């Protein structure tokens, strides 16, 4: 399994207006209903693009058309604590603390810690789910206390 990471920074790969227009055209084609996407080789050989690859391509092209940078990361990829911190949008010392507390599994390569990307994704999903539940509870408590009213 591979995860697509998008970052809200200008993409380096799109250097010309012509490239940006071409990417937008590709996005339009990929988003059109009922389009069958094929890859055509230099020898004219055609092959249908499988649905799973089509979905990845759609997401990547959409991100690029929006000016976002894109990274494809295999789930088995091992990251440094700095890379893990950047992915989770926290400090490296905080990631080290999470590792030492057993919140995220890791291995040691010499004296360096390595974190499997798949484990980071799992941790992030659990963290985000927990945050959503806590926010929902906070809103419910605020409503019950009369502190949170809907706008009319």
C-alpha atoms as a PDB file:
ATOM      1  CA  UNK A   1       0.000   0.000   0.000  1.00  0.00           C
ATOM      2  CA  UNK A   2       1.198   3.522  -0.782  1.00  0.00           C
ATOM      3  CA  UNK A   3       0.082   6.802   0.740  1.00  0.00           C
ATOM      4  CA  UNK A   4       0.035  10.079  -1.146  1.00  0.00           C
ATOM      5  CA  UNK A   5       1.195  13.036   0.891  1.00  0.00           C
ATOM      6  CA  UNK A   6       0.367  16.514  -0.315  1.00  0.00           C
ATOM      7  CA  UNK A   7       1.990  19.619   1.028  1.00  0.00           C
ATOM      8  CA  UNK A   8       0.704  23.174   0.695  1.00  0.00           C
ATOM      9  CA  UNK A   9       3.846  24.525  -0.891  1.00  0.00           C
ATOM     10  CA  UNK A  10       4.454  25.515  -4.503  1.00  0.00           C
ATOM     11  CA  UNK A  11       5.468  22.508  -6.533  1.00  0.00           C
ATOM     12  CA  UNK A  12       8.947  22.605  -8.001  1.00  0.00           C
ATOM     13  CA  UNK A  13       8.077  20.345 -10.939  1.00  0.00           C
ATOM     14  CA  UNK A  14       5.742  22.865 -12.585  1.00  0.00           C
ATOM     15  CA  UNK A  15       8.111  25.497 -13.932  1.00  0.00           C
ATOM     16  CA  UNK A  16       6.262  26.856 -16.933  1.00  0.00           C
ATOM     17  CA  UNK A  17       2.775  28.101 -17.611  1.00  0.00           C
ATOM     18  CA  UNK A  18       2.542  25.533 -20.428  1.00  0.00           C
ATOM     19  CA  UNK A  19       3.232  22.679 -17.979  1.00  0.00           C
ATOM     20  CA  UNK A  20       0.635  24.037 -15.565  1.00  0.00           C
ATOM     21  CA  UNK A  21      -1.932  24.191 -18.397  1.00  0.00           C
ATOM     22  CA  UNK A  22      -1.086  20.631 -19.475  1.00  0.00           C
ATOM     23  CA  UNK A  23      -1.514  19.361 -15.907  1.00  0.00           C
ATOM     24  CA  UNK A  24      -4.882  21.129 -15.702  1.00  0.00           C
ATOM     25  CA  UNK A  25      -5.934  19.449 -18.983  1.00  0.00           C
ATOM     26  CA  UNK A  26      -4.898  16.048 -17.624  1.00  0.00           C
ATOM     27  CA  UNK A  27      -6.890  16.773 -14.457  1.00  0.00           C
ATOM     28  CA  UNK A  28      -9.969  17.621 -16.536  1.00  0.00           C
ATOM     29  CA  UNK A  29      -9.642  14.383 -18.519  1.00  0.00           C
ATOM     30  CA  UNK A  30      -9.185  12.277 -15.377  1.00  0.00           C
ATOM     31  CA  UNK A  31     -12.222  13.908 -13.752  1.00  0.00           C
ATOM     32  CA  UNK A  32     -14.533  13.460 -16.746  1.00  0.00           C
ATOM     33  CA  UNK A  33     -17.231  10.867 -16.174  1.00  0.00           C
ATOM     34  CA  UNK A  34     -16.818   7.536 -17.905  1.00  0.00           C
ATOM     35  CA  UNK A  35     -13.369   8.228 -19.292  1.00  0.00           C
ATOM     36  CA  UNK A  36     -11.283   5.114 -19.910  1.00  0.00           C
ATOM     37  CA  UNK A  37      -7.657   6.059 -19.365  1.00  0.00           C
ATOM     38  CA  UNK A  38      -5.023   4.220 -21.350  1.00  0.00           C
ATOM     39  CA  UNK A  39      -1.264   4.332 -21.419  1.00  0.00           C
ATOM     40  CA  UNK A  40       0.210   4.391 -24.916  1.00  0.00           C
ATOM     41  CA  UNK A  41       3.813   3.263 -25.305  1.00  0.00           C
ATOM     42  CA  UNK A  42       6.298   4.623 -27.824  1.00  0.00           C
ATOM     43  CA  UNK A  43       5.624   1.584 -30.018  1.00  0.00           C
ATOM     44  CA  UNK A  44       1.877   2.367 -30.034  1.00  0.00           C
ATOM     45  CA  UNK A  45       0.997  -0.444 -27.623  1.00  0.00           C
ATOM     46  CA  UNK A  46      -1.996   0.495 -25.441  1.00  0.00           C
ATOM     47  CA  UNK A  47      -2.865  -0.735 -21.984  1.00  0.00           C
ATOM     48  CA  UNK A  48      -5.823   0.198 -19.787  1.00  0.00           C
ATOM     49  CA  UNK A  49      -4.790   1.842 -16.525  1.00  0.00           C
ATOM     50  CA  UNK A  50      -6.157  -0.220 -13.587  1.00  0.00           C
ATOM     51  CA  UNK A  51      -8.703   1.476 -11.307  1.00  0.00           C
ATOM     52  CA  UNK A  52      -6.330   1.582  -8.302  1.00  0.00           C
ATOM     53  CA  UNK A  53      -3.629   3.334 -10.354  1.00  0.00           C
ATOM     54  CA  UNK A  54      -6.257   5.612 -11.906  1.00  0.00           C
ATOM     55  CA  UNK A  55      -7.326   6.803  -8.424  1.00  0.00           C
ATOM     56  CA  UNK A  56      -3.703   7.467  -7.399  1.00  0.00           C
ATOM     57  CA  UNK A  57      -3.095   9.353 -10.628  1.00  0.00           C
ATOM     58  CA  UNK A  58      -6.246  11.459 -10.100  1.00  0.00           C
ATOM     59  CA  UNK A  59      -5.135  12.472  -6.600  1.00  0.00           C
ATOM     60  CA  UNK A  60      -1.580  13.261  -7.667  1.00  0.00           C
ATOM     61  CA  UNK A  61      -2.661  15.305 -10.682  1.00  0.00           C
ATOM     62  CA  UNK A  62      -5.269  17.191  -8.630  1.00  0.00           C
ATOM     63  CA  UNK A  63      -2.651  18.097  -6.020  1.00  0.00           C
ATOM     64  CA  UNK A  64      -0.197  19.224  -8.689  1.00  0.00           C
ATOM     65  CA  UNK A  65      -2.882  21.265 -10.459  1.00  0.00           C
ATOM     66  CA  UNK A  66      -3.581  22.938  -7.108  1.00  0.00           C
ATOM     67  CA  UNK A  67       0.096  23.843  -6.749  1.00  0.00           C
ATOM     68  CA  UNK A  68       0.815  21.328  -4.003  1.00  0.00           C
ATOM     69  CA  UNK A  69       3.939  19.225  -3.708  1.00  0.00           C
ATOM     70  CA  UNK A  70       3.355  15.479  -3.722  1.00  0.00           C
ATOM     71  CA  UNK A  71       5.275  12.593  -2.164  1.00  0.00           C
ATOM     72  CA  UNK A  72       4.510   8.920  -2.654  1.00  0.00           C
ATOM     73  CA  UNK A  73       5.570   6.855   0.347  1.00  0.00           C
ATOM     74  CA  UNK A  74       5.370   3.041   0.578  1.00  0.00           C
ATOM     75  CA  UNK A  75       3.856   2.010   3.910  1.00  0.00           C
ATOM     76  CA  UNK A  76       6.890  -0.141   4.668  1.00  0.00           C
ATOM     77  CA  UNK A  77       9.224   2.873   4.372  1.00  0.00           C
ATOM     78  CA  UNK A  78      11.275   3.555   7.510  1.00  0.00           C
ATOM     79  CA  UNK A  79      11.558   7.189   8.542  1.00  0.00           C
ATOM     80  CA  UNK A  80      13.921   9.072  10.807  1.00  0.00           C
ATOM     81  CA  UNK A  81      12.513  10.757  13.888  1.00  0.00           C
ATOM     82  CA  UNK A  82      12.841  14.119  12.089  1.00  0.00           C
ATOM     83  CA  UNK A  83      10.846  12.863   9.100  1.00  0.00           C
ATOM     84  CA  UNK A  84       8.253  11.394  11.479  1.00  0.00           C
ATOM     85  CA  UNK A  85       7.999  14.728  13.300  1.00  0.00           C
ATOM     86  CA  UNK A  86       7.466  16.575  10.024  1.00  0.00           C
ATOM     87  CA  UNK A  87       4.766  14.099   8.973  1.00  0.00           C
ATOM     88  CA  UNK A  88       2.945  14.447  12.311  1.00  0.00           C
ATOM     89  CA  UNK A  89       3.587  18.217  12.410  1.00  0.00           C
ATOM     90  CA  UNK A  90       5.183  18.031  15.857  1.00  0.00           C
ATOM     91  CA  UNK A  91       8.707  18.475  17.210  1.00  0.00           C
ATOM     92  CA  UNK A  92      11.345  15.765  16.956  1.00  0.00           C
ATOM     93  CA  UNK A  93      11.738  15.607  20.786  1.00  0.00           C
ATOM     94  CA  UNK A  94       7.973  15.009  21.054  1.00  0.00           C
ATOM     95  CA  UNK A  95       8.224  12.111  18.578  1.00  0.00           C
ATOM     96  CA  UNK A  96      11.114  10.647  20.590  1.00  0.00           C
ATOM     97  CA  UNK A  97       8.941  10.918  23.712  1.00  0.00           C
ATOM     98  CA  UNK A  98       6.085   9.086  21.933  1.00  0.00           C
ATOM     99  CA  UNK A  99       8.494   6.348  20.866  1.00  0.00           C
ATOM    100  CA  UNK A 100       9.974   5.963  24.345  1.00  0.00           C
ATOM    101  CA  UNK A 101       6.464   5.779  25.869  1.00  0.00           C
ATOM    102  CA  UNK A 102       5.536   3.009  23.435  1.00  0.00           C
ATOM    103  CA  UNK A 103       2.878   5.042  21.614  1.00  0.00           C
ATOM    104  CA  UNK A 104       4.539   4.310  18.266  1.00  0.00           C
ATOM    105  CA  UNK A 105       6.666   1.220  17.556  1.00  0.00           C
ATOM    106  CA  UNK A 106      10.220   1.777  16.339  1.00  0.00           C
ATOM    107  CA  UNK A 107      13.478  -0.010  15.714  1.00  0.00           C
ATOM    108  CA  UNK A 108      17.031   1.064  16.375  1.00  0.00           C
ATOM    109  CA  UNK A 109      19.643   1.135  13.640  1.00  0.00           C
ATOM    110  CA  UNK A 110      22.853   1.653  15.571  1.00  0.00           C
ATOM    111  CA  UNK A 111      21.999   4.532  17.883  1.00  0.00           C
ATOM    112  CA  UNK A 112      19.309   5.944  15.563  1.00  0.00           C
ATOM    113  CA  UNK A 113      15.587   5.302  15.842  1.00  0.00           C
ATOM    114  CA  UNK A 114      13.598   4.385  12.730  1.00  0.00           C
ATOM    115  CA  UNK A 115       9.811   4.468  12.498  1.00  0.00           C
ATOM    116  CA  UNK A 116       7.790   2.506   9.956  1.00  0.00           C
ATOM    117  CA  UNK A 117       5.584   4.874   7.968  1.00  0.00           C
ATOM    118  CA  UNK A 118       2.635   2.505   8.317  1.00  0.00           C
ATOM    119  CA  UNK A 119       2.891   2.781  12.124  1.00  0.00           C
ATOM    120  CA  UNK A 120       2.942   6.589  11.855  1.00  0.00           C
ATOM    121  CA  UNK A 121      -0.164   6.566   9.683  1.00  0.00           C
ATOM    122  CA  UNK A 122      -1.940   4.293  12.179  1.00  0.00           C
ATOM    123  CA  UNK A 123      -0.927   6.549  15.106  1.00  0.00           C
ATOM    124  CA  UNK A 124      -2.041   9.690  13.238  1.00  0.00           C
ATOM    125  CA  UNK A 125      -5.424   8.162  12.361  1.00  0.00           C
ATOM    126  CA  UNK A 126      -5.999   7.135  16.012  1.00  0.00           C
ATOM    127  CA  UNK A 127      -4.873  10.570  17.237  1.00  0.00           C
ATOM    128  CA  UNK A 128      -7.167  12.365  14.791  1.00  0.00           C
ATOM    129  CA  UNK A 129     -10.102  10.112  15.679  1.00  0.00           C
ATOM    130  CA  UNK A 130      -9.542  10.745  19.398  1.00  0.00           C
ATOM    131  CA  UNK A 131      -9.331  14.503  18.797  1.00  0.00           C
ATOM    132  CA  UNK A 132     -12.614  14.476  16.861  1.00  0.00           C
ATOM    133  CA  UNK A 133     -14.348  12.553  19.640  1.00  0.00           C
ATOM    134  CA  UNK A 134     -13.029  14.936  22.300  1.00  0.00           C
ATOM    135  CA  UNK A 135     -14.078  17.979  20.264  1.00  0.00           C
ATOM    136  CA  UNK A 136     -17.563  16.510  19.844  1.00  0.00           C
ATOM    137  CA  UNK A 137     -17.801  15.920  23.608  1.00  0.00           C
ATOM    138  CA  UNK A 138     -16.619  19.469  24.311  1.00  0.00           C
ATOM    139  CA  UNK A 139     -19.267  20.903  21.978  1.00  0.00           C
ATOM    140  CA  UNK A 140     -21.977  18.760  23.613  1.00  0.00           C
ATOM    141  CA  UNK A 141     -20.904  19.899  27.096  1.00  0.00           C
ATOM    142  CA  UNK A 142     -20.871  23.540  25.944  1.00  0.00           C
ATOM    143  CA  UNK A 143     -24.344  23.172  24.458  1.00  0.00           C
ATOM    144  CA  UNK A 144     -25.664  21.617  27.676  1.00  0.00           C
ATOM    145  CA  UNK A 145     -24.175  24.476  29.691  1.00  0.00           C
ATOM    146  CA  UNK A 146     -25.734  27.017  27.320  1.00  0.00           C
ATOM    147  CA  UNK A 147     -22.350  28.321  26.211  1.00  0.00           C
ATOM    148  CA  UNK A 148     -22.636  27.175  22.626  1.00  0.00           C
ATOM    149  CA  UNK A 149     -25.608  28.444  20.652  1.00  0.00           C
ATOM    150  CA  UNK A 150     -26.383  28.036  17.000  1.00  0.00           C
ATOM    151  CA  UNK A 151     -26.443  31.213  14.926  1.00  0.00           C
ATOM    152  CA  UNK A 152     -29.831  32.242  13.579  1.00  0.00           C
END
